[in-house]
C-alpha atoms as a PDB file:
ATOM      1  CA  MET A   1     107.741 106.549 107.362  1.00  0.00           C
ATOM      2  CA  PRO A   2     104.817 107.683 105.334  1.00  0.00           C
ATOM      3  CA  LYS A   3     105.722 108.483 101.819  1.00  0.00           C
ATOM      4  CA  ILE A   4     103.700 111.058  99.386  1.00  0.00           C
ATOM      5  CA  VAL A   5     103.159 109.855  95.939  1.00  0.00           C
ATOM      6  CA  ILE A   6     101.651 113.175  93.553  1.00  0.00           C
ATOM      7  CA  ASP A   7     101.170 112.074  89.931  1.00  0.00           C
ATOM      8  CA  PRO A   8     102.012 115.499  87.791  1.00  0.00           C
ATOM      9  CA  GLU A   9      99.515 114.833  85.205  1.00  0.00           C
ATOM     10  CA  ARG A  10      96.638 114.878  87.471  1.00  0.00           C
ATOM     11  CA  CYS A  11      97.652 117.769  89.361  1.00  0.00           C
ATOM     12  CA  LYS A  12      96.251 121.478  88.494  1.00  0.00           C
ATOM     13  CA  GLY A  13      98.305 123.644  90.310  1.00  0.00           C
ATOM     14  CA  CYS A  14      95.279 124.539  92.908  1.00  0.00           C
ATOM     15  CA  GLU A  15      97.703 124.598  95.855  1.00  0.00           C
ATOM     16  CA  LEU A  16      94.699 123.348  98.064  1.00  0.00           C
ATOM     17  CA  CYS A  17      97.176 120.417  99.351  1.00  0.00           C
ATOM     18  CA  VAL A  18     100.014 122.855 100.028  1.00  0.00           C
ATOM     19  CA  LYS A  19      97.778 125.136 102.334  1.00  0.00           C
ATOM     20  CA  ALA A  20      95.934 122.239 103.798  1.00  0.00           C
ATOM     21  CA  CYS A  21      99.496 120.796 104.859  1.00  0.00           C
ATOM     22  CA  PRO A  22      99.787 120.929 108.972  1.00  0.00           C
ATOM     23  CA  GLN A  23     103.927 120.551 108.464  1.00  0.00           C
ATOM     24  CA  ALA A  24     104.618 122.304 105.488  1.00  0.00           C
ATOM     25  CA  VAL A  25     105.764 119.517 103.639  1.00  0.00           C
ATOM     26  CA  LEU A  26     104.233 120.089 100.103  1.00  0.00           C
ATOM     27  CA  GLY A  27     105.286 123.297  97.858  1.00  0.00           C
ATOM     28  CA  MET A  28     104.943 124.032  94.363  1.00  0.00           C
ATOM     29  CA  GLY A  29     107.316 123.036  91.883  1.00  0.00           C
ATOM     30  CA  LYS A  30     108.907 125.125  88.990  1.00  0.00           C
ATOM     31  CA  ASP A  31     108.132 122.746  86.010  1.00  0.00           C
ATOM     32  CA  LEU A  32     104.856 122.567  83.959  1.00  0.00           C
ATOM     33  CA  ASN A  33     103.005 119.548  83.259  1.00  0.00           C
ATOM     34  CA  SER A  34     101.643 118.567  80.097  1.00  0.00           C
ATOM     35  CA  ARG A  35      98.610 120.640  80.842  1.00  0.00           C
ATOM     36  CA  GLY A  36     100.414 123.489  81.238  1.00  0.00           C
ATOM     37  CA  TYR A  37     100.370 123.720  85.110  1.00  0.00           C
ATOM     38  CA  PHE A  38     102.809 124.053  87.971  1.00  0.00           C
ATOM     39  CA  TYR A  39     102.148 120.676  89.835  1.00  0.00           C
ATOM     40  CA  ALA A  40     102.842 120.130  93.869  1.00  0.00           C
ATOM     41  CA  LYS A  41     105.931 118.634  94.862  1.00  0.00           C
ATOM     42  CA  VAL A  42     107.011 116.853  98.113  1.00  0.00           C
ATOM     43  CA  ALA A  43     109.376 119.798  99.423  1.00  0.00           C
ATOM     44  CA  GLU A  44     109.903 118.309 103.105  1.00  0.00           C
ATOM     45  CA  PRO A  45     109.255 114.380 103.206  1.00  0.00           C
ATOM     46  CA  ARG A  46     110.640 113.988 106.773  1.00  0.00           C
ATOM     47  CA  ARG A  47     108.106 116.101 108.241  1.00  0.00           C
ATOM     48  CA  CYS A  48     105.138 114.309 106.980  1.00  0.00           C
ATOM     49  CA  ILE A  49     103.123 112.636 109.794  1.00  0.00           C
ATOM     50  CA  GLY A  50     100.881 110.634 107.670  1.00  0.00           C
ATOM     51  CA  CYS A  51      97.868 112.625 108.424  1.00  0.00           C
ATOM     52  CA  ARG A  52      96.684 112.294 104.747  1.00  0.00           C
ATOM     53  CA  VAL A  53      95.259 115.580 104.670  1.00  0.00           C
ATOM     54  CA  CYS A  54      96.380 116.745 101.412  1.00  0.00           C
ATOM     55  CA  CYS A  55      95.275 113.199  99.627  1.00  0.00           C
ATOM     56  CA  VAL A  56      91.742 114.021 101.127  1.00  0.00           C
ATOM     57  CA  THR A  57      92.018 117.792  99.857  1.00  0.00           C
ATOM     58  CA  CYS A  58      93.166 117.413  96.656  1.00  0.00           C
ATOM     59  CA  PRO A  59      90.112 117.848  94.230  1.00  0.00           C
ATOM     60  CA  ASP A  60      91.887 115.804  91.092  1.00  0.00           C
ATOM     61  CA  VAL A  61      93.063 112.867  93.398  1.00  0.00           C
ATOM     62  CA  ALA A  62      96.574 113.361  92.314  1.00  0.00           C
ATOM     63  CA  ILE A  63      97.947 112.412  95.725  1.00  0.00           C
ATOM     64  CA  ARG A  64      98.146 109.388  97.178  1.00  0.00           C
ATOM     65  CA  MET A  65      99.944 107.974 100.377  1.00  0.00           C
ATOM     66  CA  LEU A  66     101.884 104.887 100.907  1.00  0.00           C
ATOM     67  CA  VAL A  67     102.794 103.700 104.636  1.00  0.00           C
ATOM     68  CA  HIS A  68     105.239 100.773 104.815  1.00  0.00           C
ATOM     69  CA  GLY A  69     104.494 100.305 101.021  1.00  0.00           C
ATOM     70  CA  THR A  70     100.842  99.821 101.372  1.00  0.00           C
ATOM     71  CA  MET A  71      98.209 102.703  99.854  1.00  0.00           C
ATOM     72  CA  ILE A  72      95.501 103.347 102.560  1.00  0.00           C
ATOM     73  CA  HIS A  73      92.289 104.622 100.718  1.00  0.00           C
ATOM     74  CA  TYR A  74      90.017 106.898 102.627  1.00  0.00           C
ATOM     75  CA  PHE A  75      87.205 106.854  99.966  1.00  0.00           C
ATOM     76  CA  ARG A  76      86.688 104.626  96.840  1.00  0.00           C
ATOM     77  CA  TYR A  77      86.601 106.860  93.389  1.00  0.00           C
END
């Protein structure tokens, strides 16, 4: 099962990942990070199909996905 990992300190709360997710896995949290932004959280982890659209959509590279404990890179940043 894919596992989405979000770095709350890198997230600026743009919600692009939330809107891009075809399975509505992500949602916005109610907590603030150290920069004062509400950050994305994994709301429905069991619905994730591992499409990685959230990872590619995130302009801050705050989201990564692990599949069976292995991180898969689409792009090298």
